[in-house]
Full PDB file with SEQRES, HELIX, SHEET, SSBOND, CRYST1, ORIGX, SCALE, CONECT and MASTER records, all heavy atoms in Angstrom:
SEQRES   1 A   37  GLY ARG TYR THR SER GLU SER LEU GLY ASP TYR CYS ALA          
SEQRES   2 A   37  GLY PRO ASN HIS VAL LEU PRO THR SER ARG THR ALA ARG          
SEQRES   3 A   37  PHE SER SER PRO LEU GLY THR TYR ASP PHE GLN                  
HELIX    1 AA1 GLU A    6  TYR A   11  1                                   6    
HELIX    2 AA2 THR A   24  ARG A   26  5                                   3    
HELIX    3 AA3 THR A   33  PHE A   36  5                                   4    
CRYST1    1.000    1.000    1.000  90.00  90.00  90.00 P 1           1          
ORIGX1      1.000000  0.000000  0.000000        0.00000                         
ORIGX2      0.000000  1.000000  0.000000        0.00000                         
ORIGX3      0.000000  0.000000  1.000000        0.00000                         
SCALE1      1.000000  0.000000  0.000000        0.00000                         
SCALE2      0.000000  1.000000  0.000000        0.00000                         
SCALE3      0.000000  0.000000  1.000000        0.00000                         
ATOM      1  N   GLY A   1      13.808  -5.875   3.084  1.00  0.00           N  
ATOM      2  CA  GLY A   1      15.234  -5.631   2.944  1.00  0.00           C  
ATOM      3  C   GLY A   1      15.635  -4.234   3.375  1.00  0.00           C  
ATOM      4  O   GLY A   1      14.833  -3.290   3.359  1.00  0.00           O  
ATOM      5  N   ARG A   2      16.884  -4.082   3.735  1.00  0.00           N  
ATOM      6  CA  ARG A   2      17.347  -2.836   4.328  1.00  0.00           C  
ATOM      7  C   ARG A   2      17.362  -1.670   3.349  1.00  0.00           C  
ATOM      8  O   ARG A   2      17.376  -0.503   3.761  1.00  0.00           O  
ATOM      9  CB  ARG A   2      18.741  -3.030   4.938  1.00  0.00           C  
ATOM     10  CG  ARG A   2      19.846  -3.351   3.934  1.00  0.00           C  
ATOM     11  CD  ARG A   2      21.208  -3.449   4.635  1.00  0.00           C  
ATOM     12  NE  ARG A   2      21.222  -4.544   5.605  1.00  0.00           N  
ATOM     13  CZ  ARG A   2      21.602  -5.783   5.303  1.00  0.00           C  
ATOM     14  NH1 ARG A   2      21.961  -6.085   4.052  1.00  0.00           N  
ATOM     15  NH2 ARG A   2      21.612  -6.723   6.210  1.00  0.00           N  
ATOM     16  N   TYR A   3      17.363  -1.942   2.042  1.00  0.00           N  
ATOM     17  CA  TYR A   3      17.403  -0.852   1.071  1.00  0.00           C  
ATOM     18  C   TYR A   3      16.008  -0.348   0.686  1.00  0.00           C  
ATOM     19  O   TYR A   3      15.879   0.613  -0.070  1.00  0.00           O  
ATOM     20  CB  TYR A   3      18.165  -1.285  -0.191  1.00  0.00           C  
ATOM     21  CG  TYR A   3      19.639  -1.442   0.059  1.00  0.00           C  
ATOM     22  CD1 TYR A   3      20.204  -2.694   0.257  1.00  0.00           C  
ATOM     23  CD2 TYR A   3      20.477  -0.326   0.138  1.00  0.00           C  
ATOM     24  CE1 TYR A   3      21.556  -2.851   0.515  1.00  0.00           C  
ATOM     25  CE2 TYR A   3      21.830  -0.461   0.386  1.00  0.00           C  
ATOM     26  CZ  TYR A   3      22.365  -1.722   0.572  1.00  0.00           C  
ATOM     27  OH  TYR A   3      23.705  -1.860   0.837  1.00  0.00           O  
ATOM     28  N   THR A   4      14.976  -0.975   1.219  1.00  0.00           N  
ATOM     29  CA  THR A   4      13.609  -0.636   0.827  1.00  0.00           C  
ATOM     30  C   THR A   4      12.982   0.278   1.872  1.00  0.00           C  
ATOM     31  O   THR A   4      12.262  -0.169   2.765  1.00  0.00           O  
ATOM     32  CB  THR A   4      12.755  -1.909   0.657  1.00  0.00           C  
ATOM     33  OG1 THR A   4      13.485  -2.866  -0.122  1.00  0.00           O  
ATOM     34  CG2 THR A   4      11.450  -1.595  -0.042  1.00  0.00           C  
ATOM     35  N   SER A   5      13.254   1.552   1.766  1.00  0.00           N  
ATOM     36  CA  SER A   5      12.631   2.499   2.696  1.00  0.00           C  
ATOM     37  C   SER A   5      11.152   2.642   2.358  1.00  0.00           C  
ATOM     38  O   SER A   5      10.752   2.578   1.184  1.00  0.00           O  
ATOM     39  CB  SER A   5      13.318   3.866   2.620  1.00  0.00           C  
ATOM     40  OG  SER A   5      13.028   4.515   1.402  1.00  0.00           O  
ATOM     41  N   GLU A   6      10.357   2.845   3.379  1.00  0.00           N  
ATOM     42  CA  GLU A   6       8.909   3.004   3.170  1.00  0.00           C  
ATOM     43  C   GLU A   6       8.609   4.175   2.249  1.00  0.00           C  
ATOM     44  O   GLU A   6       7.626   4.150   1.499  1.00  0.00           O  
ATOM     45  CB  GLU A   6       8.226   3.166   4.533  1.00  0.00           C  
ATOM     46  CG  GLU A   6       6.708   3.269   4.482  1.00  0.00           C  
ATOM     47  CD  GLU A   6       6.252   4.656   4.137  1.00  0.00           C  
ATOM     48  OE1 GLU A   6       6.944   5.632   4.496  1.00  0.00           O  
ATOM     49  OE2 GLU A   6       5.184   4.791   3.489  1.00  0.00           O  
ATOM     50  N   SER A   7       9.438   5.192   2.287  1.00  0.00           N  
ATOM     51  CA  SER A   7       9.180   6.387   1.477  1.00  0.00           C  
ATOM     52  C   SER A   7       9.195   6.086  -0.026  1.00  0.00           C  
ATOM     53  O   SER A   7       8.522   6.765  -0.811  1.00  0.00           O  
ATOM     54  CB  SER A   7      10.195   7.485   1.800  1.00  0.00           C  
ATOM     55  OG  SER A   7      11.511   7.035   1.593  1.00  0.00           O  
ATOM     56  N   LEU A   8       9.941   5.064  -0.440  1.00  0.00           N  
ATOM     57  CA  LEU A   8       9.922   4.686  -1.856  1.00  0.00           C  
ATOM     58  C   LEU A   8       8.526   4.219  -2.273  1.00  0.00           C  
ATOM     59  O   LEU A   8       8.067   4.478  -3.380  1.00  0.00           O  
ATOM     60  CB  LEU A   8      10.953   3.593  -2.130  1.00  0.00           C  
ATOM     61  CG  LEU A   8      12.417   3.939  -1.844  1.00  0.00           C  
ATOM     62  CD1 LEU A   8      13.324   2.764  -2.205  1.00  0.00           C  
ATOM     63  CD2 LEU A   8      12.837   5.195  -2.600  1.00  0.00           C  
ATOM     64  N   GLY A   9       7.866   3.511  -1.366  1.00  0.00           N  
ATOM     65  CA  GLY A   9       6.501   3.080  -1.646  1.00  0.00           C  
ATOM     66  C   GLY A   9       5.521   4.236  -1.672  1.00  0.00           C  
ATOM     67  O   GLY A   9       4.527   4.203  -2.407  1.00  0.00           O  
ATOM     68  N   ASP A  10       5.794   5.271  -0.899  1.00  0.00           N  
ATOM     69  CA  ASP A  10       4.920   6.449  -0.884  1.00  0.00           C  
ATOM     70  C   ASP A  10       4.878   7.135  -2.240  1.00  0.00           C  
ATOM     71  O   ASP A  10       3.849   7.723  -2.600  1.00  0.00           O  
ATOM     72  CB  ASP A  10       5.413   7.460   0.157  1.00  0.00           C  
ATOM     73  CG  ASP A  10       4.907   7.147   1.554  1.00  0.00           C  
ATOM     74  OD1 ASP A  10       3.999   6.306   1.682  1.00  0.00           O  
ATOM     75  OD2 ASP A  10       5.432   7.738   2.510  1.00  0.00           O  
ATOM     76  N   TYR A  11       5.984   7.077  -2.980  1.00  0.00           N  
ATOM     77  CA  TYR A  11       6.090   7.908  -4.164  1.00  0.00           C  
ATOM     78  C   TYR A  11       6.212   7.176  -5.495  1.00  0.00           C  
ATOM     79  O   TYR A  11       5.531   7.532  -6.454  1.00  0.00           O  
ATOM     80  CB  TYR A  11       7.298   8.853  -4.014  1.00  0.00           C  
ATOM     81  CG  TYR A  11       7.141   9.805  -2.867  1.00  0.00           C  
ATOM     82  CD1 TYR A  11       7.903   9.661  -1.716  1.00  0.00           C  
ATOM     83  CD2 TYR A  11       6.221  10.843  -2.918  1.00  0.00           C  
ATOM     84  CE1 TYR A  11       7.757  10.535  -0.647  1.00  0.00           C  
ATOM     85  CE2 TYR A  11       6.061  11.711  -1.861  1.00  0.00           C  
ATOM     86  CZ  TYR A  11       6.823  11.561  -0.723  1.00  0.00           C  
ATOM     87  OH  TYR A  11       6.668  12.413   0.334  1.00  0.00           O  
ATOM     88  N   CYS A  12       7.049   6.174  -5.572  1.00  0.00           N  
ATOM     89  CA  CYS A  12       7.393   5.743  -6.922  1.00  0.00           C  
ATOM     90  C   CYS A  12       7.720   4.268  -7.100  1.00  0.00           C  
ATOM     91  O   CYS A  12       8.038   3.852  -8.220  1.00  0.00           O  
ATOM     92  CB  CYS A  12       8.581   6.563  -7.432  1.00  0.00           C  
ATOM     93  SG  CYS A  12      10.039   6.473  -6.358  1.00  0.00           S  
ATOM     94  N   ALA A  13       7.662   3.441  -6.063  1.00  0.00           N  
ATOM     95  CA  ALA A  13       8.003   2.030  -6.250  1.00  0.00           C  
ATOM     96  C   ALA A  13       7.030   1.357  -7.216  1.00  0.00           C  
ATOM     97  O   ALA A  13       7.427   0.566  -8.068  1.00  0.00           O  
ATOM     98  CB  ALA A  13       8.008   1.303  -4.908  1.00  0.00           C  
ATOM     99  N   GLY A  14       5.737   1.666  -7.075  1.00  0.00           N  
ATOM    100  CA  GLY A  14       4.731   1.071  -7.952  1.00  0.00           C  
ATOM    101  C   GLY A  14       3.449   0.690  -7.244  1.00  0.00           C  
ATOM    102  O   GLY A  14       2.363   1.086  -7.664  1.00  0.00           O  
ATOM    103  N   PRO A  15       3.514  -0.097  -6.158  1.00  0.00           N  
ATOM    104  CA  PRO A  15       2.298  -0.432  -5.414  1.00  0.00           C  
ATOM    105  C   PRO A  15       1.635   0.819  -4.834  1.00  0.00           C  
ATOM    106  O   PRO A  15       2.278   1.853  -4.657  1.00  0.00           O  
ATOM    107  CB  PRO A  15       2.813  -1.356  -4.303  1.00  0.00           C  
ATOM    108  CG  PRO A  15       4.035  -1.975  -4.882  1.00  0.00           C  
ATOM    109  CD  PRO A  15       4.676  -0.884  -5.697  1.00  0.00           C  
ATOM    110  N   ASN A  16       0.353   0.690  -4.530  1.00  0.00           N  
ATOM    111  CA  ASN A  16      -0.398   1.846  -4.075  1.00  0.00           C  
ATOM    112  C   ASN A  16      -0.050   2.218  -2.640  1.00  0.00           C  
ATOM    113  O   ASN A  16       0.190   1.348  -1.798  1.00  0.00           O  
ATOM    114  CB  ASN A  16      -1.896   1.575  -4.179  1.00  0.00           C  
ATOM    115  CG  ASN A  16      -2.677   2.847  -4.457  1.00  0.00           C  
ATOM    116  OD1 ASN A  16      -2.851   3.676  -3.588  1.00  0.00           O  
ATOM    117  ND2 ASN A  16      -3.126   2.983  -5.685  1.00  0.00           N  
ATOM    118  N   HIS A  17      -0.055   3.513  -2.357  1.00  0.00           N  
ATOM    119  CA  HIS A  17       0.229   3.940  -0.979  1.00  0.00           C  
ATOM    120  C   HIS A  17      -1.049   4.199  -0.173  1.00  0.00           C  
ATOM    121  O   HIS A  17      -0.969   4.594   0.993  1.00  0.00           O  
ATOM    122  CB  HIS A  17       1.168   5.145  -0.964  1.00  0.00           C  
ATOM    123  CG  HIS A  17       0.520   6.473  -1.262  1.00  0.00           C  
ATOM    124  ND1 HIS A  17       1.252   7.611  -1.531  1.00  0.00           N  
ATOM    125  CD2 HIS A  17      -0.774   6.879  -1.334  1.00  0.00           C  
ATOM    126  CE1 HIS A  17       0.441   8.630  -1.739  1.00  0.00           C  
ATOM    127  NE2 HIS A  17      -0.792   8.209  -1.610  1.00  0.00           N  
ATOM    128  N   VAL A  18      -2.205   3.995  -0.776  1.00  0.00           N  
ATOM    129  CA  VAL A  18      -3.460   4.083  -0.025  1.00  0.00           C  
ATOM    130  C   VAL A  18      -3.682   2.726   0.631  1.00  0.00           C  
ATOM    131  O   VAL A  18      -4.025   1.744  -0.038  1.00  0.00           O  
ATOM    132  CB  VAL A  18      -4.646   4.456  -0.928  1.00  0.00           C  
ATOM    133  CG1 VAL A  18      -5.935   4.556  -0.107  1.00  0.00           C  
ATOM    134  CG2 VAL A  18      -4.367   5.770  -1.650  1.00  0.00           C  
ATOM    135  N   LEU A  19      -3.457   2.663   1.952  1.00  0.00           N  
ATOM    136  CA  LEU A  19      -3.364   1.391   2.658  1.00  0.00           C  
ATOM    137  C   LEU A  19      -4.267   1.372   3.886  1.00  0.00           C  
ATOM    138  O   LEU A  19      -4.565   2.420   4.463  1.00  0.00           O  
ATOM    139  CB  LEU A  19      -1.913   1.153   3.100  1.00  0.00           C  
ATOM    140  CG  LEU A  19      -0.851   1.144   1.997  1.00  0.00           C  
ATOM    141  CD1 LEU A  19       0.544   1.220   2.609  1.00  0.00           C  
ATOM    142  CD2 LEU A  19      -0.997  -0.111   1.146  1.00  0.00           C  
ATOM    143  N   PRO A  20      -4.678   0.175   4.316  1.00  0.00           N  
ATOM    144  CA  PRO A  20      -5.504   0.065   5.514  1.00  0.00           C  
ATOM    145  C   PRO A  20      -4.722   0.436   6.768  1.00  0.00           C  
ATOM    146  O   PRO A  20      -3.547   0.082   6.909  1.00  0.00           O  
ATOM    147  CB  PRO A  20      -5.917  -1.408   5.526  1.00  0.00           C  
ATOM    148  CG  PRO A  20      -4.878  -2.116   4.712  1.00  0.00           C  
ATOM    149  CD  PRO A  20      -4.439  -1.137   3.677  1.00  0.00           C  
ATOM    150  N   THR A  21      -5.377   1.151   7.682  1.00  0.00           N  
ATOM    151  CA  THR A  21      -4.757   1.592   8.926  1.00  0.00           C  
ATOM    152  C   THR A  21      -5.536   1.055  10.122  1.00  0.00           C  
ATOM    153  O   THR A  21      -6.562   0.393   9.962  1.00  0.00           O  
ATOM    154  CB  THR A  21      -4.719   3.129   8.999  1.00  0.00           C  
ATOM    155  OG1 THR A  21      -6.073   3.618   8.959  1.00  0.00           O  
ATOM    156  CG2 THR A  21      -3.934   3.717   7.846  1.00  0.00           C  
ATOM    157  N   SER A  22      -5.057   1.364  11.307  1.00  0.00           N  
ATOM    158  CA  SER A  22      -5.764   1.049  12.559  1.00  0.00           C  
ATOM    159  C   SER A  22      -6.162  -0.420  12.654  1.00  0.00           C  
ATOM    160  O   SER A  22      -7.283  -0.760  13.005  1.00  0.00           O  
ATOM    161  CB  SER A  22      -7.009   1.946  12.703  1.00  0.00           C  
ATOM    162  OG  SER A  22      -6.660   3.308  12.647  1.00  0.00           O  
ATOM    163  N   ARG A  23      -5.257  -1.303  12.280  1.00  0.00           N  
ATOM    164  CA  ARG A  23      -5.421  -2.757  12.346  1.00  0.00           C  
ATOM    165  C   ARG A  23      -6.420  -3.311  11.331  1.00  0.00           C  
ATOM    166  O   ARG A  23      -6.748  -4.506  11.366  1.00  0.00           O  
ATOM    167  CB  ARG A  23      -5.807  -3.213  13.764  1.00  0.00           C  
ATOM    168  CG  ARG A  23      -4.808  -2.802  14.854  1.00  0.00           C  
ATOM    169  CD  ARG A  23      -5.053  -3.532  16.162  1.00  0.00           C  
ATOM    170  NE  ARG A  23      -4.775  -4.945  16.031  1.00  0.00           N  
ATOM    171  CZ  ARG A  23      -5.598  -5.911  16.465  1.00  0.00           C  
ATOM    172  NH1 ARG A  23      -6.748  -5.609  17.026  1.00  0.00           N  
ATOM    173  NH2 ARG A  23      -5.259  -7.170  16.322  1.00  0.00           N  
ATOM    174  N   THR A  24      -6.905  -2.493  10.414  1.00  0.00           N  
ATOM    175  CA  THR A  24      -7.868  -2.990   9.422  1.00  0.00           C  
ATOM    176  C   THR A  24      -7.203  -3.833   8.342  1.00  0.00           C  
ATOM    177  O   THR A  24      -7.891  -4.438   7.522  1.00  0.00           O  
ATOM    178  CB  THR A  24      -8.648  -1.841   8.761  1.00  0.00           C  
ATOM    179  OG1 THR A  24      -7.736  -0.945   8.114  1.00  0.00           O  
ATOM    180  CG2 THR A  24      -9.448  -1.070   9.809  1.00  0.00           C  
ATOM    181  N   ALA A  25      -5.871  -3.906   8.340  1.00  0.00           N  
ATOM    182  CA  ALA A  25      -5.193  -4.813   7.405  1.00  0.00           C  
ATOM    183  C   ALA A  25      -5.513  -6.271   7.711  1.00  0.00           C  
ATOM    184  O   ALA A  25      -5.212  -7.158   6.918  1.00  0.00           O  
ATOM    185  CB  ALA A  25      -3.682  -4.599   7.437  1.00  0.00           C  
ATOM    186  N   ARG A  26      -6.147  -6.526   8.851  1.00  0.00           N  
ATOM    187  CA  ARG A  26      -6.609  -7.893   9.160  1.00  0.00           C  
ATOM    188  C   ARG A  26      -7.686  -8.349   8.186  1.00  0.00           C  
ATOM    189  O   ARG A  26      -7.880  -9.545   7.989  1.00  0.00           O  
ATOM    190  CB  ARG A  26      -7.164  -7.950  10.586  1.00  0.00           C  
ATOM    191  CG  ARG A  26      -6.134  -7.744  11.682  1.00  0.00           C  
ATOM    192  CD  ARG A  26      -6.799  -7.667  13.046  1.00  0.00           C  
ATOM    193  NE  ARG A  26      -7.657  -6.508  13.157  1.00  0.00           N  
ATOM    194  CZ  ARG A  26      -8.941  -6.547  13.515  1.00  0.00           C  
ATOM    195  NH1 ARG A  26      -9.525  -7.697  13.793  1.00  0.00           N  
ATOM    196  NH2 ARG A  26      -9.650  -5.431  13.608  1.00  0.00           N  
ATOM    197  N   PHE A  27      -8.396  -7.379   7.575  1.00  0.00           N  
ATOM    198  CA  PHE A  27      -9.516  -7.772   6.717  1.00  0.00           C  
ATOM    199  C   PHE A  27      -9.650  -6.921   5.459  1.00  0.00           C  
ATOM    200  O   PHE A  27     -10.611  -7.091   4.706  1.00  0.00           O  
ATOM    201  CB  PHE A  27     -10.838  -7.720   7.496  1.00  0.00           C  
ATOM    202  CG  PHE A  27     -11.110  -6.391   8.171  1.00  0.00           C  
ATOM    203  CD1 PHE A  27     -11.616  -5.320   7.459  1.00  0.00           C  
ATOM    204  CD2 PHE A  27     -10.845  -6.232   9.515  1.00  0.00           C  
ATOM    205  CE1 PHE A  27     -11.865  -4.101   8.075  1.00  0.00           C  
ATOM    206  CE2 PHE A  27     -11.086  -5.015  10.159  1.00  0.00           C  
ATOM    207  CZ  PHE A  27     -11.603  -3.944   9.421  1.00  0.00           C  
ATOM    208  N   SER A  28      -8.714  -6.014   5.213  1.00  0.00           N  
ATOM    209  CA  SER A  28      -8.825  -5.189   4.012  1.00  0.00           C  
ATOM    210  C   SER A  28      -7.468  -5.052   3.336  1.00  0.00           C  
ATOM    211  O   SER A  28      -6.446  -5.483   3.862  1.00  0.00           O  
ATOM    212  CB  SER A  28      -9.408  -3.816   4.352  1.00  0.00           C  
ATOM    213  OG  SER A  28      -8.646  -3.175   5.354  1.00  0.00           O  
ATOM    214  N   SER A  29      -7.470  -4.433   2.172  1.00  0.00           N  
ATOM    215  CA  SER A  29      -6.307  -4.451   1.281  1.00  0.00           C  
ATOM    216  C   SER A  29      -5.981  -3.055   0.776  1.00  0.00           C  
ATOM    217  O   SER A  29      -6.784  -2.121   0.912  1.00  0.00           O  
ATOM    218  CB  SER A  29      -6.601  -5.367   0.078  1.00  0.00           C  
ATOM    219  OG  SER A  29      -7.013  -6.646   0.503  1.00  0.00           O  
ATOM    220  N   PRO A  30      -4.822  -2.894   0.134  1.00  0.00           N  
ATOM    221  CA  PRO A  30      -4.487  -1.603  -0.466  1.00  0.00           C  
ATOM    222  C   PRO A  30      -5.461  -1.230  -1.579  1.00  0.00           C  
ATOM    223  O   PRO A  30      -6.097  -2.095  -2.191  1.00  0.00           O  
ATOM    224  CB  PRO A  30      -3.081  -1.837  -1.039  1.00  0.00           C  
ATOM    225  CG  PRO A  30      -2.548  -3.018  -0.305  1.00  0.00           C  
ATOM    226  CD  PRO A  30      -3.732  -3.870  -0.003  1.00  0.00           C  
ATOM    227  N   LEU A  31      -5.575   0.065  -1.834  1.00  0.00           N  
ATOM    228  CA  LEU A  31      -6.323   0.519  -3.002  1.00  0.00           C  
ATOM    229  C   LEU A  31      -5.668  -0.063  -4.248  1.00  0.00           C  
ATOM    230  O   LEU A  31      -4.440  -0.160  -4.325  1.00  0.00           O  
ATOM    231  CB  LEU A  31      -6.307   2.046  -3.067  1.00  0.00           C  
ATOM    232  CG  LEU A  31      -7.177   2.692  -4.158  1.00  0.00           C  
ATOM    233  CD1 LEU A  31      -8.658   2.566  -3.802  1.00  0.00           C  
ATOM    234  CD2 LEU A  31      -6.798   4.162  -4.328  1.00  0.00           C  
ATOM    235  N   GLY A  32      -6.480  -0.465  -5.217  1.00  0.00           N  
ATOM    236  CA  GLY A  32      -5.912  -1.052  -6.424  1.00  0.00           C  
ATOM    237  C   GLY A  32      -6.858  -0.953  -7.596  1.00  0.00           C  
ATOM    238  O   GLY A  32      -7.989  -0.439  -7.485  1.00  0.00           O  
ATOM    239  N   THR A  33      -6.421  -1.458  -8.715  1.00  0.00           N  
ATOM    240  CA  THR A  33      -7.224  -1.441  -9.933  1.00  0.00           C  
ATOM    241  C   THR A  33      -8.573  -2.094  -9.699  1.00  0.00           C  
ATOM    242  O   THR A  33      -9.613  -1.641 -10.204  1.00  0.00           O  
ATOM    243  CB  THR A  33      -6.468  -2.165 -11.063  1.00  0.00           C  
ATOM    244  OG1 THR A  33      -5.174  -1.569 -11.221  1.00  0.00           O  
ATOM    245  CG2 THR A  33      -7.227  -2.080 -12.379  1.00  0.00           C  
ATOM    246  N   TYR A  34      -8.578  -3.179  -8.912  1.00  0.00           N  
ATOM    247  CA  TYR A  34      -9.805  -3.921  -8.635  1.00  0.00           C  
ATOM    248  C   TYR A  34     -10.853  -3.072  -7.927  1.00  0.00           C  
ATOM    249  O   TYR A  34     -12.043  -3.378  -7.975  1.00  0.00           O  
ATOM    250  CB  TYR A  34      -9.488  -5.163  -7.788  1.00  0.00           C  
ATOM    251  CG  TYR A  34      -8.400  -4.952  -6.768  1.00  0.00           C  
ATOM    252  CD1 TYR A  34      -8.616  -4.204  -5.609  1.00  0.00           C  
ATOM    253  CD2 TYR A  34      -7.114  -5.453  -6.985  1.00  0.00           C  
ATOM    254  CE1 TYR A  34      -7.611  -3.981  -4.695  1.00  0.00           C  
ATOM    255  CE2 TYR A  34      -6.097  -5.224  -6.068  1.00  0.00           C  
ATOM    256  CZ  TYR A  34      -6.344  -4.482  -4.923  1.00  0.00           C  
ATOM    257  OH  TYR A  34      -5.346  -4.246  -4.027  1.00  0.00           O  
ATOM    258  N   ASP A  35     -10.436  -1.983  -7.263  1.00  0.00           N  
ATOM    259  CA  ASP A  35     -11.403  -1.102  -6.595  1.00  0.00           C  
ATOM    260  C   ASP A  35     -12.184  -0.251  -7.582  1.00  0.00           C  
ATOM    261  O   ASP A  35     -13.183   0.378  -7.198  1.00  0.00           O  
ATOM    262  CB  ASP A  35     -10.680  -0.191  -5.605  1.00  0.00           C  
ATOM    263  CG  ASP A  35     -10.215  -0.942  -4.373  1.00  0.00           C  
ATOM    264  OD1 ASP A  35     -11.076  -1.464  -3.654  1.00  0.00           O  
ATOM    265  OD2 ASP A  35      -8.991  -1.032  -4.147  1.00  0.00           O  
ATOM    266  N   PHE A  36     -11.746  -0.201  -8.814  1.00  0.00           N  
ATOM    267  CA  PHE A  36     -12.416   0.585  -9.831  1.00  0.00           C  
ATOM    268  C   PHE A  36     -13.055  -0.305 -10.897  1.00  0.00           C  
ATOM    269  O   PHE A  36     -13.423   0.159 -11.975  1.00  0.00           O  
ATOM    270  CB  PHE A  36     -11.428   1.559 -10.474  1.00  0.00           C  
ATOM    271  CG  PHE A  36     -10.830   2.516  -9.476  1.00  0.00           C  
ATOM    272  CD1 PHE A  36      -9.587   2.262  -8.902  1.00  0.00           C  
ATOM    273  CD2 PHE A  36     -11.518   3.649  -9.081  1.00  0.00           C  
ATOM    274  CE1 PHE A  36      -9.035   3.135  -7.971  1.00  0.00           C  
ATOM    275  CE2 PHE A  36     -10.978   4.533  -8.160  1.00  0.00           C  
ATOM    276  CZ  PHE A  36      -9.738   4.269  -7.596  1.00  0.00           C  
ATOM    277  N   GLN A  37     -13.189  -1.597 -10.585  1.00  0.00           N  
ATOM    278  CA  GLN A  37     -13.844  -2.554 -11.462  1.00  0.00           C  
ATOM    279  C   GLN A  37     -14.985  -3.224 -10.711  1.00  0.00           C  
ATOM    280  O   GLN A  37     -14.969  -3.315  -9.483  1.00  0.00           O  
ATOM    281  CB  GLN A  37     -12.850  -3.629 -11.922  1.00  0.00           C  
ATOM    282  CG  GLN A  37     -11.717  -3.108 -12.789  1.00  0.00           C  
ATOM    283  CD  GLN A  37     -10.772  -4.224 -13.203  1.00  0.00           C  
ATOM    284  OE1 GLN A  37     -10.078  -4.799 -12.377  1.00  0.00           O  
ATOM    285  NE2 GLN A  37     -10.754  -4.530 -14.491  1.00  0.00           N  
TER     286      GLN A  37                                                      
MASTER        0    0    0    3    0    0    0    6  285    1    0    3          
END                                                                             
């Protein structure tokens, strides 16, 4: 949606901003609680 700037996700929306880059989103996911379990 038009009101959801990416910068909100960088700081305070809630989901993690540590994300896969360089096309690795084809097989990997954002950092999350599951990475520490």
